[in-house]
């Protein structure tokens, strides 16, 4: 039986890192897959080639559509909010829009819930309580996603995450063949994402790794930088394929409705009628 999966993310390119394999797998298995981003990604880091003319937001949404095409996604939506950035202070709202962290949670959840109801979504992918590595927009996705699922009566909410020990081991492994830029904070990952005991779903996506890599590659602006700087996404795309498959061949989720420490599920649609 086919189902509908909706992946809710903060910015264009987030889908490529945390859920693209699961999205590609679901699409390949005949399920309807939708991606919704809260923000336009206008404050993302990028080289002058992509950002100098002030059209980075438009380019990033176009990159999202190319990523979606690579994954088999059939619908792409932007909730209409502006990127909040990662700085210590949130910039003023741009004309006609609101920074996502300033958005009323109930209003944002109602926007998302309208799509959940329209599409009769069976599984909503959101973020864990830490928002992964702690970006304010990612934490807001966690809050909005949970409320939207409740409003729409969505049968299953899964929070995308990574076991902390897994991601720190992966970073240390990558560091053997790649030198991260000075601003990369390795220690921050010791506090990021989720404890392994909280994981309820471990999804193998190795059969769909080519689609996942194509999804990452679609976000060219987020792999760009000036003055010889390097970006994490660019580093990921330089990882040799066997190591890339090992690092990115699984994706993890938390079902907040399930007890911790129980059986690990290997299919996001398991048990749905």
C-alpha atoms as a PDB file:
ATOM      1  CA  UNK A   1       0.000   0.000   0.000  1.00  0.00           C
ATOM      2  CA  UNK A   2       1.340   3.425  -0.901  1.00  0.00           C
ATOM      3  CA  UNK A   3       1.533   6.236   1.643  1.00  0.00           C
ATOM      4  CA  UNK A   4       2.389   9.937   1.669  1.00  0.00           C
ATOM      5  CA  UNK A   5       5.539  11.241   3.368  1.00  0.00           C
ATOM      6  CA  UNK A   6       6.234  14.932   3.996  1.00  0.00           C
ATOM      7  CA  UNK A   7       9.706  16.121   5.012  1.00  0.00           C
ATOM      8  CA  UNK A   8       9.662  19.478   6.817  1.00  0.00           C
ATOM      9  CA  UNK A   9      12.945  21.389   6.898  1.00  0.00           C
ATOM     10  CA  UNK A  10      14.256  24.796   7.914  1.00  0.00           C
ATOM     11  CA  UNK A  11      16.288  25.756   4.833  1.00  0.00           C
ATOM     12  CA  UNK A  12      16.983  24.533   1.311  1.00  0.00           C
ATOM     13  CA  UNK A  13      19.844  21.964   1.596  1.00  0.00           C
ATOM     14  CA  UNK A  14      18.791  20.646   5.029  1.00  0.00           C
ATOM     15  CA  UNK A  15      16.783  17.916   3.306  1.00  0.00           C
ATOM     16  CA  UNK A  16      19.934  16.688   1.554  1.00  0.00           C
ATOM     17  CA  UNK A  17      21.826  16.048   4.765  1.00  0.00           C
ATOM     18  CA  UNK A  18      19.306  14.438   7.119  1.00  0.00           C
ATOM     19  CA  UNK A  19      16.442  12.854   5.191  1.00  0.00           C
ATOM     20  CA  UNK A  20      17.229  12.674   1.470  1.00  0.00           C
ATOM     21  CA  UNK A  21      17.988   8.957   1.522  1.00  0.00           C
ATOM     22  CA  UNK A  22      14.713   8.167   3.260  1.00  0.00           C
ATOM     23  CA  UNK A  23      12.852  10.412   0.823  1.00  0.00           C
ATOM     24  CA  UNK A  24      14.496   8.735  -2.183  1.00  0.00           C
ATOM     25  CA  UNK A  25      13.769   5.282  -0.773  1.00  0.00           C
ATOM     26  CA  UNK A  26      10.120   6.135  -0.160  1.00  0.00           C
ATOM     27  CA  UNK A  27       9.711   7.543  -3.666  1.00  0.00           C
ATOM     28  CA  UNK A  28      11.410   4.504  -5.233  1.00  0.00           C
ATOM     29  CA  UNK A  29       9.039   2.230  -3.314  1.00  0.00           C
ATOM     30  CA  UNK A  30       6.037   3.998  -4.822  1.00  0.00           C
ATOM     31  CA  UNK A  31       5.096   6.411  -2.034  1.00  0.00           C
ATOM     32  CA  UNK A  32       4.197  10.074  -2.564  1.00  0.00           C
ATOM     33  CA  UNK A  33       6.958  12.335  -1.207  1.00  0.00           C
ATOM     34  CA  UNK A  34       6.667  16.056  -0.465  1.00  0.00           C
ATOM     35  CA  UNK A  35       9.202  18.527   0.913  1.00  0.00           C
ATOM     36  CA  UNK A  36       8.331  21.755   2.724  1.00  0.00           C
ATOM     37  CA  UNK A  37      10.886  24.340   3.834  1.00  0.00           C
ATOM     38  CA  UNK A  38      10.089  27.005   6.396  1.00  0.00           C
ATOM     39  CA  UNK A  39      12.550  29.607   5.093  1.00  0.00           C
ATOM     40  CA  UNK A  40      14.145  30.788   1.871  1.00  0.00           C
ATOM     41  CA  UNK A  41      17.747  30.326   3.040  1.00  0.00           C
ATOM     42  CA  UNK A  42      18.661  33.920   2.158  1.00  0.00           C
ATOM     43  CA  UNK A  43      21.200  34.211   4.994  1.00  0.00           C
ATOM     44  CA  UNK A  44      23.114  31.081   4.072  1.00  0.00           C
ATOM     45  CA  UNK A  45      26.834  31.391   3.465  1.00  0.00           C
ATOM     46  CA  UNK A  46      27.806  31.442  -0.208  1.00  0.00           C
ATOM     47  CA  UNK A  47      30.415  32.892  -2.538  1.00  0.00           C
ATOM     48  CA  UNK A  48      29.928  36.234  -4.275  1.00  0.00           C
ATOM     49  CA  UNK A  49      29.127  34.315  -7.444  1.00  0.00           C
ATOM     50  CA  UNK A  50      25.843  33.228  -5.844  1.00  0.00           C
ATOM     51  CA  UNK A  51      25.109  36.033  -3.386  1.00  0.00           C
ATOM     52  CA  UNK A  52      26.411  39.348  -4.775  1.00  0.00           C
ATOM     53  CA  UNK A  53      23.244  40.230  -6.687  1.00  0.00           C
ATOM     54  CA  UNK A  54      20.948  39.665  -3.708  1.00  0.00           C
ATOM     55  CA  UNK A  55      19.201  36.712  -5.335  1.00  0.00           C
ATOM     56  CA  UNK A  56      20.574  33.945  -3.099  1.00  0.00           C
ATOM     57  CA  UNK A  57      17.115  33.051  -1.767  1.00  0.00           C
ATOM     58  CA  UNK A  58      15.782  32.500  -5.283  1.00  0.00           C
ATOM     59  CA  UNK A  59      18.805  30.407  -6.202  1.00  0.00           C
ATOM     60  CA  UNK A  60      18.520  28.278  -3.072  1.00  0.00           C
ATOM     61  CA  UNK A  61      14.865  27.512  -3.707  1.00  0.00           C
ATOM     62  CA  UNK A  62      15.778  26.569  -7.283  1.00  0.00           C
ATOM     63  CA  UNK A  63      18.483  24.283  -5.882  1.00  0.00           C
ATOM     64  CA  UNK A  64      15.872  22.710  -3.626  1.00  0.00           C
ATOM     65  CA  UNK A  65      13.716  21.922  -6.660  1.00  0.00           C
ATOM     66  CA  UNK A  66      16.679  20.267  -8.397  1.00  0.00           C
ATOM     67  CA  UNK A  67      17.383  18.261  -5.249  1.00  0.00           C
ATOM     68  CA  UNK A  68      13.726  17.227  -5.097  1.00  0.00           C
ATOM     69  CA  UNK A  69      13.841  16.067  -8.703  1.00  0.00           C
ATOM     70  CA  UNK A  70      16.857  13.874  -7.955  1.00  0.00           C
ATOM     71  CA  UNK A  71      15.007  12.296  -5.026  1.00  0.00           C
ATOM     72  CA  UNK A  72      11.680  11.666  -6.734  1.00  0.00           C
ATOM     73  CA  UNK A  73       9.828  14.322  -4.718  1.00  0.00           C
ATOM     74  CA  UNK A  74       6.565  15.349  -6.372  1.00  0.00           C
ATOM     75  CA  UNK A  75       5.791  18.608  -4.537  1.00  0.00           C
ATOM     76  CA  UNK A  76       7.971  21.389  -3.082  1.00  0.00           C
ATOM     77  CA  UNK A  77       6.580  24.166  -0.871  1.00  0.00           C
ATOM     78  CA  UNK A  78       8.004  27.176   1.010  1.00  0.00           C
ATOM     79  CA  UNK A  79       5.977  28.253   4.063  1.00  0.00           C
ATOM     80  CA  UNK A  80       6.882  31.874   3.363  1.00  0.00           C
ATOM     81  CA  UNK A  81       9.196  32.703   6.261  1.00  0.00           C
ATOM     82  CA  UNK A  82      12.603  34.369   6.072  1.00  0.00           C
ATOM     83  CA  UNK A  83      15.887  32.804   7.141  1.00  0.00           C
ATOM     84  CA  UNK A  84      16.808  33.745  10.726  1.00  0.00           C
ATOM     85  CA  UNK A  85      20.543  33.209  10.343  1.00  0.00           C
ATOM     86  CA  UNK A  86      22.915  31.667  12.842  1.00  0.00           C
ATOM     87  CA  UNK A  87      24.339  34.837  14.388  1.00  0.00           C
ATOM     88  CA  UNK A  88      23.933  35.850  18.037  1.00  0.00           C
ATOM     89  CA  UNK A  89      21.374  38.485  17.038  1.00  0.00           C
ATOM     90  CA  UNK A  90      18.459  38.056  14.645  1.00  0.00           C
ATOM     91  CA  UNK A  91      18.374  40.620  11.850  1.00  0.00           C
ATOM     92  CA  UNK A  92      15.281  42.799  11.335  1.00  0.00           C
ATOM     93  CA  UNK A  93      12.478  41.194   9.358  1.00  0.00           C
ATOM     94  CA  UNK A  94      12.712  41.803   5.607  1.00  0.00           C
ATOM     95  CA  UNK A  95       9.832  43.668   3.942  1.00  0.00           C
ATOM     96  CA  UNK A  96       6.721  41.523   3.706  1.00  0.00           C
ATOM     97  CA  UNK A  97       8.124  38.559   5.632  1.00  0.00           C
ATOM     98  CA  UNK A  98       8.991  37.355   9.145  1.00  0.00           C
ATOM     99  CA  UNK A  99      12.162  35.683  10.385  1.00  0.00           C
ATOM    100  CA  UNK A 100      11.151  32.132  11.223  1.00  0.00           C
ATOM    101  CA  UNK A 101      12.328  32.299  14.833  1.00  0.00           C
ATOM    102  CA  UNK A 102       9.992  35.256  15.358  1.00  0.00           C
ATOM    103  CA  UNK A 103       7.003  33.536  13.759  1.00  0.00           C
ATOM    104  CA  UNK A 104       4.025  32.674  15.886  1.00  0.00           C
ATOM    105  CA  UNK A 105       4.303  28.910  16.391  1.00  0.00           C
ATOM    106  CA  UNK A 106       0.568  28.340  16.148  1.00  0.00           C
ATOM    107  CA  UNK A 107       0.289  30.313  12.900  1.00  0.00           C
ATOM    108  CA  UNK A 108       3.245  28.509  11.324  1.00  0.00           C
ATOM    109  CA  UNK A 109       1.850  25.151  12.454  1.00  0.00           C
ATOM    110  CA  UNK A 110      -1.493  25.983  10.877  1.00  0.00           C
ATOM    111  CA  UNK A 111       0.238  26.694   7.546  1.00  0.00           C
ATOM    112  CA  UNK A 112       1.961  23.337   7.655  1.00  0.00           C
ATOM    113  CA  UNK A 113      -1.123  21.526   8.943  1.00  0.00           C
ATOM    114  CA  UNK A 114      -3.095  22.778   5.943  1.00  0.00           C
ATOM    115  CA  UNK A 115      -0.677  20.930   3.648  1.00  0.00           C
ATOM    116  CA  UNK A 116      -0.720  17.841   5.873  1.00  0.00           C
ATOM    117  CA  UNK A 117      -4.513  17.708   5.645  1.00  0.00           C
ATOM    118  CA  UNK A 118      -4.646  18.471   1.926  1.00  0.00           C
ATOM    119  CA  UNK A 119      -2.169  15.707   1.136  1.00  0.00           C
ATOM    120  CA  UNK A 120      -3.472  13.289   3.781  1.00  0.00           C
ATOM    121  CA  UNK A 121       0.083  12.812   4.958  1.00  0.00           C
ATOM    122  CA  UNK A 122       0.825   9.556   6.771  1.00  0.00           C
ATOM    123  CA  UNK A 123       4.359  10.349   7.974  1.00  0.00           C
ATOM    124  CA  UNK A 124       5.794  13.762   8.815  1.00  0.00           C
ATOM    125  CA  UNK A 125       9.565  14.076   9.104  1.00  0.00           C
ATOM    126  CA  UNK A 126      10.687  16.905  11.381  1.00  0.00           C
ATOM    127  CA  UNK A 127      13.700  17.523  13.696  1.00  0.00           C
ATOM    128  CA  UNK A 128      14.711  16.409  17.158  1.00  0.00           C
ATOM    129  CA  UNK A 129      14.438  18.743  20.145  1.00  0.00           C
ATOM    130  CA  UNK A 130      18.034  19.958  19.709  1.00  0.00           C
ATOM    131  CA  UNK A 131      17.333  20.987  16.129  1.00  0.00           C
ATOM    132  CA  UNK A 132      20.287  18.790  15.206  1.00  0.00           C
ATOM    133  CA  UNK A 133      23.247  21.073  15.817  1.00  0.00           C
ATOM    134  CA  UNK A 134      21.186  23.802  17.491  1.00  0.00           C
ATOM    135  CA  UNK A 135      20.360  26.246  14.689  1.00  0.00           C
ATOM    136  CA  UNK A 136      17.444  28.413  15.952  1.00  0.00           C
ATOM    137  CA  UNK A 137      15.417  27.749  12.799  1.00  0.00           C
ATOM    138  CA  UNK A 138      15.907  23.999  13.276  1.00  0.00           C
ATOM    139  CA  UNK A 139      14.629  24.164  16.839  1.00  0.00           C
ATOM    140  CA  UNK A 140      11.626  26.079  15.547  1.00  0.00           C
ATOM    141  CA  UNK A 141      10.991  23.311  12.990  1.00  0.00           C
ATOM    142  CA  UNK A 142      10.800  20.851  15.895  1.00  0.00           C
ATOM    143  CA  UNK A 143       8.179  22.978  17.664  1.00  0.00           C
ATOM    144  CA  UNK A 144       6.140  23.776  14.553  1.00  0.00           C
ATOM    145  CA  UNK A 145       6.290  20.220  13.220  1.00  0.00           C
ATOM    146  CA  UNK A 146       5.008  18.708  16.464  1.00  0.00           C
ATOM    147  CA  UNK A 147       2.146  21.169  16.707  1.00  0.00           C
ATOM    148  CA  UNK A 148       1.202  20.794  13.026  1.00  0.00           C
ATOM    149  CA  UNK A 149       1.071  16.998  13.329  1.00  0.00           C
ATOM    150  CA  UNK A 150      -1.276  17.369  16.302  1.00  0.00           C
ATOM    151  CA  UNK A 151      -3.498  19.876  14.497  1.00  0.00           C
ATOM    152  CA  UNK A 152      -3.743  17.742  11.364  1.00  0.00           C
ATOM    153  CA  UNK A 153      -4.024  14.398  13.127  1.00  0.00           C
ATOM    154  CA  UNK A 154      -1.041  13.077  11.174  1.00  0.00           C
ATOM    155  CA  UNK A 155      -0.637   9.379  12.073  1.00  0.00           C
ATOM    156  CA  UNK A 156       3.136   9.415  12.526  1.00  0.00           C
ATOM    157  CA  UNK A 157       5.701  12.081  13.410  1.00  0.00           C
ATOM    158  CA  UNK A 158       9.366  11.132  13.083  1.00  0.00           C
ATOM    159  CA  UNK A 159      12.120  13.483  14.238  1.00  0.00           C
ATOM    160  CA  UNK A 160      15.242  13.341  12.081  1.00  0.00           C
ATOM    161  CA  UNK A 161      18.456  13.080  14.043  1.00  0.00           C
ATOM    162  CA  UNK A 162      21.812  11.289  14.261  1.00  0.00           C
ATOM    163  CA  UNK A 163      23.200   9.309  17.222  1.00  0.00           C
ATOM    164  CA  UNK A 164      25.837  11.567  18.786  1.00  0.00           C
ATOM    165  CA  UNK A 165      28.455   8.862  18.946  1.00  0.00           C
ATOM    166  CA  UNK A 166      27.899   7.985  15.291  1.00  0.00           C
ATOM    167  CA  UNK A 167      28.306  11.524  14.012  1.00  0.00           C
ATOM    168  CA  UNK A 168      31.384  12.219  16.141  1.00  0.00           C
ATOM    169  CA  UNK A 169      32.994   8.997  14.890  1.00  0.00           C
ATOM    170  CA  UNK A 170      32.107   9.953  11.317  1.00  0.00           C
ATOM    171  CA  UNK A 171      33.620  13.425  11.731  1.00  0.00           C
ATOM    172  CA  UNK A 172      36.783  11.962  13.210  1.00  0.00           C
ATOM    173  CA  UNK A 173      36.970   9.497  10.317  1.00  0.00           C
ATOM    174  CA  UNK A 174      36.510  12.242   7.728  1.00  0.00           C
ATOM    175  CA  UNK A 175      39.149  14.335   9.528  1.00  0.00           C
ATOM    176  CA  UNK A 176      41.735  11.696   8.618  1.00  0.00           C
ATOM    177  CA  UNK A 177      41.373  12.590   4.938  1.00  0.00           C
ATOM    178  CA  UNK A 178      40.105  16.172   5.157  1.00  0.00           C
ATOM    179  CA  UNK A 179      41.172  19.219   7.163  1.00  0.00           C
ATOM    180  CA  UNK A 180      38.126  21.073   8.431  1.00  0.00           C
ATOM    181  CA  UNK A 181      38.207  24.895   8.349  1.00  0.00           C
ATOM    182  CA  UNK A 182      39.295  26.704  11.554  1.00  0.00           C
ATOM    183  CA  UNK A 183      35.743  27.817  12.375  1.00  0.00           C
ATOM    184  CA  UNK A 184      34.494  24.217  12.426  1.00  0.00           C
ATOM    185  CA  UNK A 185      33.619  23.437  16.052  1.00  0.00           C
ATOM    186  CA  UNK A 186      34.222  19.727  16.534  1.00  0.00           C
ATOM    187  CA  UNK A 187      33.337  19.892  20.249  1.00  0.00           C
ATOM    188  CA  UNK A 188      29.864  21.224  19.510  1.00  0.00           C
ATOM    189  CA  UNK A 189      28.862  17.853  18.102  1.00  0.00           C
ATOM    190  CA  UNK A 190      29.375  16.241  21.507  1.00  0.00           C
ATOM    191  CA  UNK A 191      26.227  18.136  22.543  1.00  0.00           C
ATOM    192  CA  UNK A 192      24.291  17.928  19.269  1.00  0.00           C
ATOM    193  CA  UNK A 193      21.592  15.657  17.910  1.00  0.00           C
ATOM    194  CA  UNK A 194      20.379  12.756  20.111  1.00  0.00           C
ATOM    195  CA  UNK A 195      21.510   9.981  22.391  1.00  0.00           C
ATOM    196  CA  UNK A 196      21.544   6.532  20.788  1.00  0.00           C
ATOM    197  CA  UNK A 197      19.060   5.208  23.362  1.00  0.00           C
ATOM    198  CA  UNK A 198      16.433   7.629  22.026  1.00  0.00           C
ATOM    199  CA  UNK A 199      16.594   6.376  18.426  1.00  0.00           C
ATOM    200  CA  UNK A 200      13.508   4.426  17.340  1.00  0.00           C
ATOM    201  CA  UNK A 201      14.095   4.148  13.569  1.00  0.00           C
ATOM    202  CA  UNK A 202      17.295   3.282  11.697  1.00  0.00           C
ATOM    203  CA  UNK A 203      16.741   3.409   7.943  1.00  0.00           C
ATOM    204  CA  UNK A 204      19.150   1.887   5.446  1.00  0.00           C
ATOM    205  CA  UNK A 205      19.461   4.132   2.386  1.00  0.00           C
ATOM    206  CA  UNK A 206      22.549   2.624   0.727  1.00  0.00           C
ATOM    207  CA  UNK A 207      20.553   1.508  -2.294  1.00  0.00           C
ATOM    208  CA  UNK A 208      19.610   5.158  -2.800  1.00  0.00           C
ATOM    209  CA  UNK A 209      22.988   6.711  -2.032  1.00  0.00           C
ATOM    210  CA  UNK A 210      23.423   8.018  -5.590  1.00  0.00           C
ATOM    211  CA  UNK A 211      20.208  10.026  -5.225  1.00  0.00           C
ATOM    212  CA  UNK A 212      21.358  11.317  -1.847  1.00  0.00           C
ATOM    213  CA  UNK A 213      24.674  12.448  -3.297  1.00  0.00           C
ATOM    214  CA  UNK A 214      22.861  14.109  -6.224  1.00  0.00           C
ATOM    215  CA  UNK A 215      20.648  15.920  -3.705  1.00  0.00           C
ATOM    216  CA  UNK A 216      23.719  17.298  -1.941  1.00  0.00           C
ATOM    217  CA  UNK A 217      25.317  18.240  -5.258  1.00  0.00           C
ATOM    218  CA  UNK A 218      22.200  20.198  -6.265  1.00  0.00           C
ATOM    219  CA  UNK A 219      22.942  22.758  -3.531  1.00  0.00           C
ATOM    220  CA  UNK A 220      25.940  24.286  -5.282  1.00  0.00           C
ATOM    221  CA  UNK A 221      25.655  27.639  -3.499  1.00  0.00           C
ATOM    222  CA  UNK A 222      26.119  25.975  -0.125  1.00  0.00           C
ATOM    223  CA  UNK A 223      29.316  24.287  -1.273  1.00  0.00           C
ATOM    224  CA  UNK A 224      30.786  27.604  -2.432  1.00  0.00           C
ATOM    225  CA  UNK A 225      33.042  30.087  -0.652  1.00  0.00           C
ATOM    226  CA  UNK A 226      35.433  32.948  -1.390  1.00  0.00           C
ATOM    227  CA  UNK A 227      39.115  33.485  -0.582  1.00  0.00           C
ATOM    228  CA  UNK A 228      40.042  29.826  -0.539  1.00  0.00           C
ATOM    229  CA  UNK A 229      37.627  29.002   2.279  1.00  0.00           C
ATOM    230  CA  UNK A 230      35.986  25.590   2.346  1.00  0.00           C
ATOM    231  CA  UNK A 231      32.477  24.485   3.191  1.00  0.00           C
ATOM    232  CA  UNK A 232      31.331  21.352   4.970  1.00  0.00           C
ATOM    233  CA  UNK A 233      29.006  20.345   2.139  1.00  0.00           C
ATOM    234  CA  UNK A 234      31.859  20.632  -0.356  1.00  0.00           C
ATOM    235  CA  UNK A 235      33.989  18.434   1.892  1.00  0.00           C
ATOM    236  CA  UNK A 236      31.249  15.812   2.087  1.00  0.00           C
ATOM    237  CA  UNK A 237      31.031  15.699  -1.701  1.00  0.00           C
ATOM    238  CA  UNK A 238      34.775  15.070  -1.975  1.00  0.00           C
ATOM    239  CA  UNK A 239      34.627  11.993   0.244  1.00  0.00           C
ATOM    240  CA  UNK A 240      35.523   8.889  -1.826  1.00  0.00           C
ATOM    241  CA  UNK A 241      32.442   6.872  -2.667  1.00  0.00           C
ATOM    242  CA  UNK A 242      33.099   3.801  -0.438  1.00  0.00           C
ATOM    243  CA  UNK A 243      33.648   6.038   2.599  1.00  0.00           C
ATOM    244  CA  UNK A 244      30.709   8.260   1.608  1.00  0.00           C
ATOM    245  CA  UNK A 245      28.442   5.198   1.469  1.00  0.00           C
ATOM    246  CA  UNK A 246      29.587   4.176   4.931  1.00  0.00           C
ATOM    247  CA  UNK A 247      29.079   7.625   6.467  1.00  0.00           C
ATOM    248  CA  UNK A 248      25.775   8.470   4.785  1.00  0.00           C
ATOM    249  CA  UNK A 249      24.233   5.031   4.222  1.00  0.00           C
ATOM    250  CA  UNK A 250      21.845   5.248   7.180  1.00  0.00           C
ATOM    251  CA  UNK A 251      19.379   7.804   8.497  1.00  0.00           C
ATOM    252  CA  UNK A 252      17.904   7.953  11.988  1.00  0.00           C
ATOM    253  CA  UNK A 253      14.647   9.113  13.532  1.00  0.00           C
ATOM    254  CA  UNK A 254      12.871   9.387  16.853  1.00  0.00           C
ATOM    255  CA  UNK A 255       9.172   8.594  17.160  1.00  0.00           C
ATOM    256  CA  UNK A 256       8.104  10.600  20.232  1.00  0.00           C
ATOM    257  CA  UNK A 257       5.088   8.294  20.639  1.00  0.00           C
ATOM    258  CA  UNK A 258       7.277   5.213  21.201  1.00  0.00           C
ATOM    259  CA  UNK A 259       9.125   4.202  24.394  1.00  0.00           C
ATOM    260  CA  UNK A 260      12.885   4.632  24.455  1.00  0.00           C
ATOM    261  CA  UNK A 261      15.190   1.653  24.350  1.00  0.00           C
ATOM    262  CA  UNK A 262      12.753  -0.586  22.480  1.00  0.00           C
ATOM    263  CA  UNK A 263      12.959  -2.386  19.162  1.00  0.00           C
ATOM    264  CA  UNK A 264      14.563  -0.433  16.336  1.00  0.00           C
ATOM    265  CA  UNK A 265      12.259   0.023  13.340  1.00  0.00           C
ATOM    266  CA  UNK A 266      13.749  -0.153   9.848  1.00  0.00           C
ATOM    267  CA  UNK A 267      10.878   1.273   7.787  1.00  0.00           C
ATOM    268  CA  UNK A 268       9.226   4.658   8.381  1.00  0.00           C
ATOM    269  CA  UNK A 269       5.872   3.233   7.217  1.00  0.00           C
ATOM    270  CA  UNK A 270       5.957   0.124   9.426  1.00  0.00           C
ATOM    271  CA  UNK A 271       2.592  -0.594  11.027  1.00  0.00           C
ATOM    272  CA  UNK A 272       0.581   1.964   9.034  1.00  0.00           C
ATOM    273  CA  UNK A 273      -2.610   0.638   7.489  1.00  0.00           C
END
